């Protein structure tokens, strides 16, 4: 006979099923888990060969069931729970959506057109202060005009751009400008 081990193990499992379930339940702490492990063990018995004879079929079945249970517990530990999945799905995407990208590009193009409509000096003042980050004093020295002229050119350029982009320009209230 070529399937001696398999036949002996299956008959042992059938004869001692209740005893094996009790032992596994004590060891694993759950009768449902014990039943699952023993059923999986039954399926694994198909892989047993006759290369080496099984000396103690009951012990072999019990050890196999324990190993099946350990494998299942490891697999459960690697699985992600429903709450963890929900947490992962709630991660917000920092990148803007395609509609916002198109809108921003359109605004940039409108701003470029508004800048091109300005006279050269107000355009240079606006670019120097807002884009390059220079101070009004530096711009007045660079362009060789007064600070008041730089402020007026900046006000003119901002007003023109806000009109072209349909933005409301908020004028700040305050006292006299600081002198240096």
N, C-alpha and C. Protein backbone atom coordinates (compact mmCIF):
# COMPACT_ATOMS: atom_id res chain seq x y z
N UNK A 1 0.84 -1.19 0.00
CA UNK A 1 0.00 0.00 0.00
C UNK A 1 0.87 1.25 0.00
N UNK A 2 0.41 2.23 -0.72
CA UNK A 2 1.22 3.43 -0.83
C UNK A 2 0.76 4.56 0.06
N UNK A 3 -0.44 4.50 0.61
CA UNK A 3 -0.97 5.58 1.44
C UNK A 3 -1.20 5.15 2.88
N UNK A 4 -0.30 4.41 3.44
CA UNK A 4 -0.46 3.87 4.79
C UNK A 4 -0.56 5.00 5.81
N UNK A 5 0.34 5.95 5.77
CA UNK A 5 0.32 7.05 6.74
C UNK A 5 -0.98 7.84 6.65
N UNK A 6 -1.40 8.16 5.44
CA UNK A 6 -2.61 8.96 5.25
C UNK A 6 -3.84 8.24 5.82
N UNK A 7 -3.96 6.95 5.55
CA UNK A 7 -5.10 6.17 6.03
C UNK A 7 -5.08 6.09 7.55
N UNK A 8 -3.91 5.84 8.14
CA UNK A 8 -3.80 5.74 9.60
C UNK A 8 -4.15 7.07 10.26
N UNK A 9 -3.66 8.17 9.68
CA UNK A 9 -3.91 9.49 10.28
C UNK A 9 -5.39 9.86 10.19
N UNK A 10 -6.01 9.61 9.06
CA UNK A 10 -7.44 9.94 8.93
C UNK A 10 -8.30 9.10 9.88
N UNK A 11 -8.01 7.84 9.97
CA UNK A 11 -8.80 6.99 10.88
C UNK A 11 -8.57 7.43 12.33
N UNK A 12 -7.35 7.82 12.68
CA UNK A 12 -7.05 8.31 14.03
C UNK A 12 -7.83 9.60 14.31
N UNK A 13 -7.89 10.48 13.32
CA UNK A 13 -8.61 11.75 13.49
C UNK A 13 -10.09 11.49 13.71
N UNK A 14 -10.67 10.60 12.93
CA UNK A 14 -12.10 10.29 13.07
C UNK A 14 -12.38 9.65 14.43
N UNK A 15 -11.56 8.70 14.85
CA UNK A 15 -11.78 7.99 16.12
C UNK A 15 -11.61 8.91 17.32
N UNK A 16 -10.65 9.81 17.28
CA UNK A 16 -10.34 10.66 18.44
C UNK A 16 -10.76 12.11 18.25
N UNK A 17 -11.73 12.35 17.38
CA UNK A 17 -12.12 13.72 17.05
C UNK A 17 -12.52 14.50 18.31
N UNK A 18 -13.41 13.95 19.11
CA UNK A 18 -13.88 14.68 20.31
C UNK A 18 -12.74 14.94 21.29
N UNK A 19 -11.88 13.97 21.49
CA UNK A 19 -10.75 14.14 22.40
C UNK A 19 -9.80 15.22 21.88
N UNK A 20 -9.53 15.20 20.59
CA UNK A 20 -8.65 16.21 19.99
C UNK A 20 -9.26 17.61 20.12
N UNK A 21 -10.56 17.72 19.92
CA UNK A 21 -11.22 19.04 20.04
C UNK A 21 -11.08 19.55 21.47
N UNK A 22 -11.29 18.68 22.44
CA UNK A 22 -11.17 19.10 23.85
C UNK A 22 -9.75 19.56 24.16
N UNK A 23 -8.75 18.78 23.74
CA UNK A 23 -7.35 19.16 24.00
C UNK A 23 -7.00 20.48 23.31
N UNK A 24 -7.45 20.64 22.06
CA UNK A 24 -7.15 21.87 21.32
C UNK A 24 -7.86 23.08 21.93
N UNK A 25 -9.10 22.85 22.40
CA UNK A 25 -9.85 23.96 23.01
C UNK A 25 -9.14 24.43 24.26
N UNK A 26 -8.66 23.51 25.09
CA UNK A 26 -7.91 23.89 26.30
C UNK A 26 -6.63 24.64 25.91
N UNK A 27 -5.96 24.15 24.92
CA UNK A 27 -4.68 24.74 24.52
C UNK A 27 -4.85 26.09 23.83
N UNK A 28 -5.88 26.22 22.98
CA UNK A 28 -6.07 27.44 22.18
C UNK A 28 -7.00 28.44 22.83
N UNK A 29 -7.83 27.96 23.76
CA UNK A 29 -8.73 28.88 24.47
C UNK A 29 -10.02 29.18 23.73
N UNK A 30 -10.30 28.50 22.63
CA UNK A 30 -11.53 28.74 21.87
C UNK A 30 -11.92 27.46 21.15
N UNK A 31 -13.17 27.03 21.34
CA UNK A 31 -13.61 25.81 20.67
C UNK A 31 -13.78 26.06 19.17
N UNK A 32 -14.22 27.26 18.79
CA UNK A 32 -14.35 27.56 17.36
C UNK A 32 -12.98 27.50 16.68
N UNK A 33 -11.99 28.08 17.34
CA UNK A 33 -10.64 28.08 16.79
C UNK A 33 -10.11 26.65 16.72
N UNK A 34 -10.43 25.83 17.72
CA UNK A 34 -10.01 24.42 17.74
C UNK A 34 -10.63 23.66 16.57
N UNK A 35 -11.93 23.88 16.32
CA UNK A 35 -12.60 23.23 15.20
C UNK A 35 -11.96 23.64 13.87
N UNK A 36 -11.71 24.94 13.70
CA UNK A 36 -11.10 25.42 12.46
C UNK A 36 -9.72 24.79 12.26
N UNK A 37 -8.94 24.76 13.31
CA UNK A 37 -7.59 24.20 13.21
C UNK A 37 -7.64 22.72 12.86
N UNK A 38 -8.56 21.98 13.45
CA UNK A 38 -8.65 20.55 13.19
C UNK A 38 -9.15 20.27 11.76
N UNK A 39 -10.06 21.10 11.28
CA UNK A 39 -10.54 20.93 9.91
C UNK A 39 -9.42 21.22 8.90
N UNK A 40 -8.65 22.26 9.18
CA UNK A 40 -7.50 22.57 8.33
C UNK A 40 -6.48 21.43 8.38
N UNK A 41 -6.32 20.84 9.55
CA UNK A 41 -5.40 19.71 9.71
C UNK A 41 -5.85 18.53 8.84
N UNK A 42 -7.15 18.27 8.83
CA UNK A 42 -7.69 17.20 8.00
C UNK A 42 -7.30 17.41 6.53
N UNK A 43 -7.39 18.66 6.07
CA UNK A 43 -7.02 18.96 4.69
C UNK A 43 -5.52 18.78 4.45
N UNK A 44 -4.74 19.09 5.45
CA UNK A 44 -3.28 18.95 5.31
C UNK A 44 -2.84 17.49 5.31
N UNK A 45 -3.66 16.61 5.82
CA UNK A 45 -3.28 15.19 5.85
C UNK A 45 -3.14 14.62 4.45
N UNK A 46 -3.72 15.26 3.45
CA UNK A 46 -3.57 14.80 2.06
C UNK A 46 -2.13 14.94 1.57
N UNK A 47 -1.36 15.79 2.21
CA UNK A 47 0.02 16.01 1.79
C UNK A 47 1.01 15.03 2.42
N UNK A 48 0.55 14.24 3.36
CA UNK A 48 1.43 13.30 4.07
C UNK A 48 1.84 12.17 3.12
N UNK A 49 3.11 11.87 3.12
CA UNK A 49 3.63 10.80 2.26
C UNK A 49 4.05 9.60 3.13
N UNK A 50 4.45 8.55 2.47
CA UNK A 50 4.89 7.34 3.17
C UNK A 50 6.41 7.24 3.23
N UNK A 51 7.11 8.32 2.97
CA UNK A 51 8.57 8.28 2.99
C UNK A 51 9.07 7.90 4.38
N UNK A 52 8.50 8.55 5.40
CA UNK A 52 8.86 8.23 6.78
C UNK A 52 7.57 7.82 7.49
N UNK A 53 7.55 6.67 8.16
CA UNK A 53 6.31 6.25 8.83
C UNK A 53 6.03 7.13 10.06
N UNK A 54 4.73 7.42 10.26
CA UNK A 54 4.30 8.22 11.41
C UNK A 54 4.13 7.25 12.58
N UNK A 55 4.91 7.46 13.65
CA UNK A 55 4.90 6.52 14.78
C UNK A 55 3.70 6.74 15.69
N UNK A 56 3.35 8.00 15.93
CA UNK A 56 2.23 8.29 16.83
C UNK A 56 1.24 9.20 16.11
N UNK A 57 0.24 8.62 15.43
CA UNK A 57 -0.70 9.42 14.65
C UNK A 57 -1.44 10.48 15.49
N UNK A 58 -1.83 10.16 16.71
CA UNK A 58 -2.57 11.12 17.55
C UNK A 58 -1.69 12.34 17.85
N UNK A 59 -0.44 12.10 18.21
CA UNK A 59 0.48 13.22 18.49
C UNK A 59 0.75 14.02 17.22
N UNK A 60 0.89 13.33 16.10
CA UNK A 60 1.16 14.00 14.83
C UNK A 60 -0.01 14.94 14.47
N UNK A 61 -1.22 14.45 14.62
CA UNK A 61 -2.41 15.27 14.32
C UNK A 61 -2.48 16.46 15.26
N UNK A 62 -2.25 16.23 16.55
CA UNK A 62 -2.31 17.32 17.53
C UNK A 62 -1.27 18.39 17.22
N UNK A 63 -0.03 17.98 16.96
CA UNK A 63 1.04 18.96 16.64
C UNK A 63 0.72 19.71 15.37
N UNK A 64 0.18 19.01 14.37
CA UNK A 64 -0.19 19.68 13.12
C UNK A 64 -1.28 20.71 13.37
N UNK A 65 -2.28 20.37 14.19
CA UNK A 65 -3.37 21.30 14.49
C UNK A 65 -2.84 22.52 15.24
N UNK A 66 -1.92 22.32 16.17
CA UNK A 66 -1.32 23.45 16.90
C UNK A 66 -0.56 24.34 15.92
N UNK A 67 0.19 23.76 15.02
CA UNK A 67 0.93 24.55 14.02
C UNK A 67 -0.02 25.32 13.10
N UNK A 68 -1.13 24.69 12.72
CA UNK A 68 -2.13 25.37 11.90
C UNK A 68 -2.68 26.57 12.67
N UNK A 69 -2.98 26.37 13.95
CA UNK A 69 -3.52 27.46 14.77
C UNK A 69 -2.51 28.61 14.88
N UNK A 70 -1.23 28.28 15.08
CA UNK A 70 -0.20 29.32 15.16
C UNK A 70 -0.11 30.10 13.84
N UNK A 71 -0.17 29.36 12.73
CA UNK A 71 -0.11 30.02 11.42
C UNK A 71 -1.29 30.97 11.22
N UNK A 72 -2.48 30.53 11.65
CA UNK A 72 -3.66 31.38 11.52
C UNK A 72 -3.54 32.64 12.39
N UNK A 73 -3.01 32.47 13.60
CA UNK A 73 -2.85 33.62 14.49
C UNK A 73 -1.85 34.62 13.90
N UNK A 74 -0.78 34.12 13.34
CA UNK A 74 0.20 35.01 12.69
C UNK A 74 -0.45 35.75 11.53
N UNK A 75 -1.23 35.05 10.74
CA UNK A 75 -1.90 35.67 9.60
C UNK A 75 -2.88 36.75 10.07
N UNK A 76 -3.59 36.48 11.16
CA UNK A 76 -4.52 37.48 11.69
C UNK A 76 -3.78 38.70 12.21
N UNK A 77 -2.62 38.51 12.79
CA UNK A 77 -1.84 39.65 13.29
C UNK A 77 -1.36 40.53 12.15
N UNK A 78 -1.15 39.95 10.97
CA UNK A 78 -0.68 40.73 9.84
C UNK A 78 -1.82 41.44 9.12
N UNK A 79 -3.04 41.02 9.35
CA UNK A 79 -4.18 41.64 8.68
C UNK A 79 -4.47 43.00 9.31
N UNK A 80 -4.98 43.88 8.49
CA UNK A 80 -5.32 45.22 8.93
C UNK A 80 -6.80 45.22 9.32
N UNK A 81 -7.09 45.83 10.45
CA UNK A 81 -8.48 45.87 10.91
C UNK A 81 -9.27 46.90 10.11
N UNK A 82 -10.58 46.84 10.22
CA UNK A 82 -11.46 47.76 9.50
C UNK A 82 -11.20 49.20 9.92
N UNK A 83 -11.00 49.42 11.22
CA UNK A 83 -10.74 50.79 11.69
C UNK A 83 -9.41 51.31 11.16
N UNK A 84 -8.42 50.42 11.04
CA UNK A 84 -7.13 50.84 10.48
C UNK A 84 -7.26 51.19 9.00
N UNK A 85 -8.09 50.43 8.29
CA UNK A 85 -8.33 50.73 6.88
C UNK A 85 -9.02 52.09 6.75
N UNK A 86 -10.04 52.33 7.59
CA UNK A 86 -10.73 53.61 7.56
C UNK A 86 -9.79 54.76 7.86
N UNK A 87 -8.89 54.56 8.81
CA UNK A 87 -7.91 55.59 9.15
C UNK A 87 -6.99 55.86 7.96
N UNK A 88 -6.55 54.81 7.29
CA UNK A 88 -5.68 54.99 6.13
C UNK A 88 -6.40 55.69 4.98
N UNK A 89 -7.68 55.42 4.82
CA UNK A 89 -8.44 56.05 3.74
C UNK A 89 -8.76 57.51 4.04
N UNK A 90 -8.72 57.90 5.31
CA UNK A 90 -9.03 59.27 5.68
C UNK A 90 -7.85 60.22 5.49
N UNK A 91 -6.71 59.70 5.08
CA UNK A 91 -5.54 60.55 4.88
C UNK A 91 -5.84 61.48 3.71
N UNK A 92 -5.72 62.77 3.96
CA UNK A 92 -6.05 63.72 2.91
C UNK A 92 -4.87 63.89 1.96
N UNK A 93 -5.20 64.14 0.74
CA UNK A 93 -4.20 64.36 -0.28
C UNK A 93 -3.87 65.84 -0.30
N UNK A 94 -2.60 66.16 -0.11
CA UNK A 94 -2.17 67.55 -0.03
C UNK A 94 -2.13 68.21 -1.41
N UNK A 95 -2.05 67.43 -2.46
CA UNK A 95 -1.96 67.99 -3.80
C UNK A 95 -3.31 68.58 -4.21
N UNK A 96 -3.30 69.70 -4.91
CA UNK A 96 -4.58 70.28 -5.34
C UNK A 96 -5.23 69.41 -6.40
N UNK A 97 -6.54 69.46 -6.44
CA UNK A 97 -7.25 68.68 -7.44
C UNK A 97 -7.08 69.33 -8.82
N UNK A 98 -7.36 68.61 -9.90
CA UNK A 98 -7.12 69.14 -11.25
C UNK A 98 -7.87 70.44 -11.52
N UNK A 99 -9.07 70.58 -11.00
CA UNK A 99 -9.84 71.81 -11.23
C UNK A 99 -9.12 73.01 -10.60
N UNK A 100 -8.58 72.81 -9.41
CA UNK A 100 -7.86 73.90 -8.74
C UNK A 100 -6.58 74.26 -9.48
N UNK A 101 -5.91 73.28 -10.06
CA UNK A 101 -4.69 73.53 -10.83
C UNK A 101 -5.02 74.38 -12.06
N UNK A 102 -6.09 74.02 -12.76
CA UNK A 102 -6.50 74.77 -13.95
C UNK A 102 -6.87 76.20 -13.56
N UNK A 103 -7.61 76.34 -12.47
CA UNK A 103 -8.01 77.66 -11.99
C UNK A 103 -6.80 78.52 -11.64
N UNK A 104 -5.82 77.92 -10.96
CA UNK A 104 -4.62 78.67 -10.58
C UNK A 104 -3.82 79.09 -11.81
N UNK A 105 -3.73 78.21 -12.79
CA UNK A 105 -3.01 78.56 -14.02
C UNK A 105 -3.71 79.71 -14.75
N UNK A 106 -5.02 79.66 -14.73
CA UNK A 106 -5.79 80.72 -15.38
C UNK A 106 -5.56 82.05 -14.67
N UNK A 107 -5.52 82.04 -13.34
CA UNK A 107 -5.26 83.26 -12.58
C UNK A 107 -3.86 83.80 -12.84
N UNK A 108 -2.89 82.91 -12.95
CA UNK A 108 -1.52 83.34 -13.24
C UNK A 108 -1.45 84.01 -14.61
N UNK A 109 -2.12 83.42 -15.59
CA UNK A 109 -2.13 84.01 -16.93
C UNK A 109 -2.82 85.38 -16.91
N UNK A 110 -3.92 85.49 -16.17
CA UNK A 110 -4.62 86.78 -16.06
C UNK A 110 -3.73 87.81 -15.37
N UNK A 111 -2.98 87.38 -14.36
CA UNK A 111 -2.06 88.30 -13.67
C UNK A 111 -0.95 88.76 -14.62
N UNK A 112 -0.43 87.83 -15.41
CA UNK A 112 0.62 88.21 -16.38
C UNK A 112 0.08 89.22 -17.39
N UNK A 113 -1.16 89.02 -17.86
CA UNK A 113 -1.75 89.99 -18.80
C UNK A 113 -1.93 91.35 -18.14
N UNK A 114 -2.38 91.33 -16.88
CA UNK A 114 -2.56 92.60 -16.16
C UNK A 114 -1.22 93.31 -15.98
N UNK A 115 -0.17 92.57 -15.68
CA UNK A 115 1.16 93.17 -15.54
C UNK A 115 1.63 93.78 -16.86
N UNK A 116 1.37 93.08 -17.95
CA UNK A 116 1.83 93.58 -19.25
C UNK A 116 1.12 94.87 -19.66
N UNK A 117 -0.07 95.14 -19.11
CA UNK A 117 -0.82 96.35 -19.43
C UNK A 117 -0.32 97.57 -18.66
N UNK A 118 0.49 97.33 -17.63
CA UNK A 118 0.99 98.43 -16.79
C UNK A 118 2.14 99.16 -17.49
N UNK A 119 2.28 100.44 -17.16
CA UNK A 119 3.49 101.15 -17.60
C UNK A 119 4.71 100.50 -16.96
N UNK A 120 5.89 100.73 -17.52
CA UNK A 120 7.09 100.02 -17.09
C UNK A 120 7.45 100.25 -15.63
N UNK A 121 7.46 101.51 -15.16
CA UNK A 121 7.91 101.76 -13.79
C UNK A 121 6.98 101.13 -12.76
N UNK A 122 5.65 101.30 -12.83
CA UNK A 122 4.79 100.62 -11.85
C UNK A 122 4.93 99.09 -11.90
N UNK A 123 5.13 98.55 -13.12
CA UNK A 123 5.33 97.10 -13.24
C UNK A 123 6.62 96.68 -12.55
N UNK A 124 7.71 97.42 -12.73
CA UNK A 124 8.99 97.10 -12.09
C UNK A 124 8.89 97.24 -10.58
N UNK A 125 8.15 98.24 -10.10
CA UNK A 125 7.96 98.43 -8.65
C UNK A 125 7.23 97.22 -8.08
N UNK A 126 6.14 96.84 -8.71
CA UNK A 126 5.35 95.70 -8.23
C UNK A 126 6.18 94.42 -8.23
N UNK A 127 6.89 94.16 -9.32
CA UNK A 127 7.71 92.94 -9.40
C UNK A 127 8.83 92.96 -8.35
N UNK A 128 9.46 94.11 -8.17
CA UNK A 128 10.57 94.19 -7.22
C UNK A 128 10.10 93.97 -5.79
N UNK A 129 8.97 94.56 -5.43
CA UNK A 129 8.50 94.46 -4.04
C UNK A 129 7.81 93.13 -3.78
N UNK A 130 6.87 92.74 -4.63
CA UNK A 130 6.07 91.54 -4.35
C UNK A 130 6.72 90.23 -4.81
N UNK A 131 7.42 90.26 -5.92
CA UNK A 131 8.00 89.02 -6.44
C UNK A 131 9.40 88.81 -5.89
N UNK A 132 10.22 89.84 -5.96
CA UNK A 132 11.61 89.72 -5.53
C UNK A 132 11.79 89.94 -4.03
N UNK A 133 10.80 90.55 -3.37
CA UNK A 133 10.85 90.74 -1.92
C UNK A 133 11.71 91.91 -1.46
N UNK A 134 11.93 92.87 -2.32
CA UNK A 134 12.73 94.03 -1.95
C UNK A 134 11.88 95.02 -1.16
N UNK A 135 12.56 95.88 -0.42
CA UNK A 135 11.85 96.92 0.33
C UNK A 135 11.60 98.12 -0.58
N UNK A 136 10.66 98.96 -0.18
CA UNK A 136 10.35 100.15 -0.96
C UNK A 136 11.56 101.07 -1.04
N UNK A 137 12.34 101.13 0.03
CA UNK A 137 13.56 101.96 0.03
C UNK A 137 14.56 101.47 -1.01
N UNK A 138 14.75 100.16 -1.08
CA UNK A 138 15.67 99.61 -2.07
C UNK A 138 15.21 99.90 -3.49
N UNK A 139 13.89 99.78 -3.73
CA UNK A 139 13.35 100.03 -5.06
C UNK A 139 13.49 101.50 -5.43
N UNK A 140 13.24 102.39 -4.46
CA UNK A 140 13.36 103.82 -4.76
C UNK A 140 14.81 104.16 -5.09
N UNK A 141 15.76 103.55 -4.39
CA UNK A 141 17.17 103.80 -4.68
C UNK A 141 17.56 103.23 -6.05
N UNK A 142 17.05 102.04 -6.36
CA UNK A 142 17.37 101.39 -7.63
C UNK A 142 16.81 102.20 -8.81
N UNK A 143 15.56 102.65 -8.68
CA UNK A 143 14.93 103.38 -9.78
C UNK A 143 15.23 104.88 -9.75
N UNK A 144 15.89 105.33 -8.68
CA UNK A 144 16.25 106.73 -8.49
C UNK A 144 15.02 107.64 -8.52
N UNK A 145 14.01 107.21 -7.73
CA UNK A 145 12.80 108.01 -7.54
C UNK A 145 12.55 108.10 -6.05
N UNK A 146 11.61 108.98 -5.65
CA UNK A 146 11.32 109.14 -4.23
C UNK A 146 10.54 107.93 -3.71
N UNK A 147 10.54 107.80 -2.40
CA UNK A 147 9.78 106.73 -1.74
C UNK A 147 8.29 106.90 -2.01
N UNK A 148 7.83 108.15 -2.02
CA UNK A 148 6.42 108.43 -2.28
C UNK A 148 6.04 107.97 -3.69
N UNK A 149 6.92 108.16 -4.66
CA UNK A 149 6.64 107.72 -6.03
C UNK A 149 6.54 106.19 -6.09
N UNK A 150 7.44 105.51 -5.39
CA UNK A 150 7.38 104.05 -5.33
C UNK A 150 6.06 103.60 -4.72
N UNK A 151 5.63 104.25 -3.64
CA UNK A 151 4.36 103.88 -3.00
C UNK A 151 3.18 104.14 -3.92
N UNK A 152 3.19 105.26 -4.63
CA UNK A 152 2.10 105.56 -5.56
C UNK A 152 2.09 104.57 -6.73
N UNK A 153 3.26 104.25 -7.26
CA UNK A 153 3.34 103.27 -8.36
C UNK A 153 2.85 101.89 -7.89
N UNK A 154 3.21 101.52 -6.68
CA UNK A 154 2.76 100.23 -6.13
C UNK A 154 1.24 100.23 -5.98
N UNK A 155 0.69 101.32 -5.45
CA UNK A 155 -0.76 101.43 -5.28
C UNK A 155 -1.46 101.35 -6.64
N UNK A 156 -0.91 102.06 -7.64
CA UNK A 156 -1.48 102.03 -8.99
C UNK A 156 -1.45 100.61 -9.57
N UNK A 157 -0.30 99.93 -9.44
CA UNK A 157 -0.16 98.58 -9.99
C UNK A 157 -1.08 97.59 -9.29
N UNK A 158 -1.16 97.66 -7.97
CA UNK A 158 -2.05 96.76 -7.23
C UNK A 158 -3.50 97.00 -7.59
N UNK A 159 -3.89 98.27 -7.70
CA UNK A 159 -5.27 98.60 -8.07
C UNK A 159 -5.61 98.07 -9.46
N UNK A 160 -4.70 98.25 -10.40
CA UNK A 160 -4.92 97.77 -11.76
C UNK A 160 -5.06 96.24 -11.79
N UNK A 161 -4.14 95.55 -11.12
CA UNK A 161 -4.19 94.07 -11.11
C UNK A 161 -5.43 93.55 -10.40
N UNK A 162 -5.81 94.19 -9.31
CA UNK A 162 -7.01 93.71 -8.60
C UNK A 162 -8.26 93.94 -9.44
N UNK A 163 -8.32 95.04 -10.22
CA UNK A 163 -9.46 95.26 -11.11
C UNK A 163 -9.50 94.20 -12.21
N UNK A 164 -8.36 93.91 -12.81
CA UNK A 164 -8.30 92.93 -13.91
C UNK A 164 -8.63 91.51 -13.43
N UNK A 165 -8.27 91.19 -12.19
CA UNK A 165 -8.52 89.85 -11.66
C UNK A 165 -9.83 89.77 -10.88
N UNK A 166 -10.56 90.88 -10.84
CA UNK A 166 -11.84 90.97 -10.11
C UNK A 166 -11.68 90.65 -8.63
N UNK A 167 -10.59 91.14 -8.06
CA UNK A 167 -10.36 91.00 -6.64
C UNK A 167 -10.74 92.30 -5.96
N UNK A 168 -11.16 92.21 -4.72
CA UNK A 168 -11.43 93.40 -3.93
C UNK A 168 -10.15 93.78 -3.22
N UNK A 169 -9.73 95.00 -3.46
CA UNK A 169 -8.51 95.46 -2.82
C UNK A 169 -8.87 96.05 -1.46
N UNK A 170 -8.22 95.58 -0.43
CA UNK A 170 -8.48 96.05 0.93
C UNK A 170 -7.43 97.10 1.26
N UNK A 171 -7.92 98.27 1.57
CA UNK A 171 -7.00 99.35 1.91
C UNK A 171 -6.82 99.34 3.41
N UNK A 172 -5.57 99.39 3.82
CA UNK A 172 -5.27 99.39 5.26
C UNK A 172 -5.43 100.78 5.83
N UNK A 173 -5.97 100.80 7.02
CA UNK A 173 -6.07 102.06 7.74
C UNK A 173 -4.84 102.20 8.59
N UNK A 174 -4.41 103.39 8.81
CA UNK A 174 -3.24 103.56 9.64
C UNK A 174 -2.81 105.02 9.63
N UNK A 175 -1.86 105.27 10.44
CA UNK A 175 -1.34 106.62 10.56
C UNK A 175 -0.35 106.92 9.47
N UNK A 176 0.39 107.93 9.66
CA UNK A 176 1.37 108.31 8.64
C UNK A 176 2.42 107.23 8.48
N UNK A 177 2.98 107.15 7.31
CA UNK A 177 4.00 106.15 7.03
C UNK A 177 5.27 106.48 7.79
N UNK A 178 5.99 105.46 8.21
CA UNK A 178 7.22 105.73 8.97
C UNK A 178 8.28 106.33 8.07
N UNK A 179 8.98 107.31 8.61
CA UNK A 179 10.08 107.97 7.86
C UNK A 179 11.39 107.36 8.31
N UNK A 180 12.31 107.27 7.38
CA UNK A 180 13.63 106.77 7.76
C UNK A 180 14.72 107.67 7.29
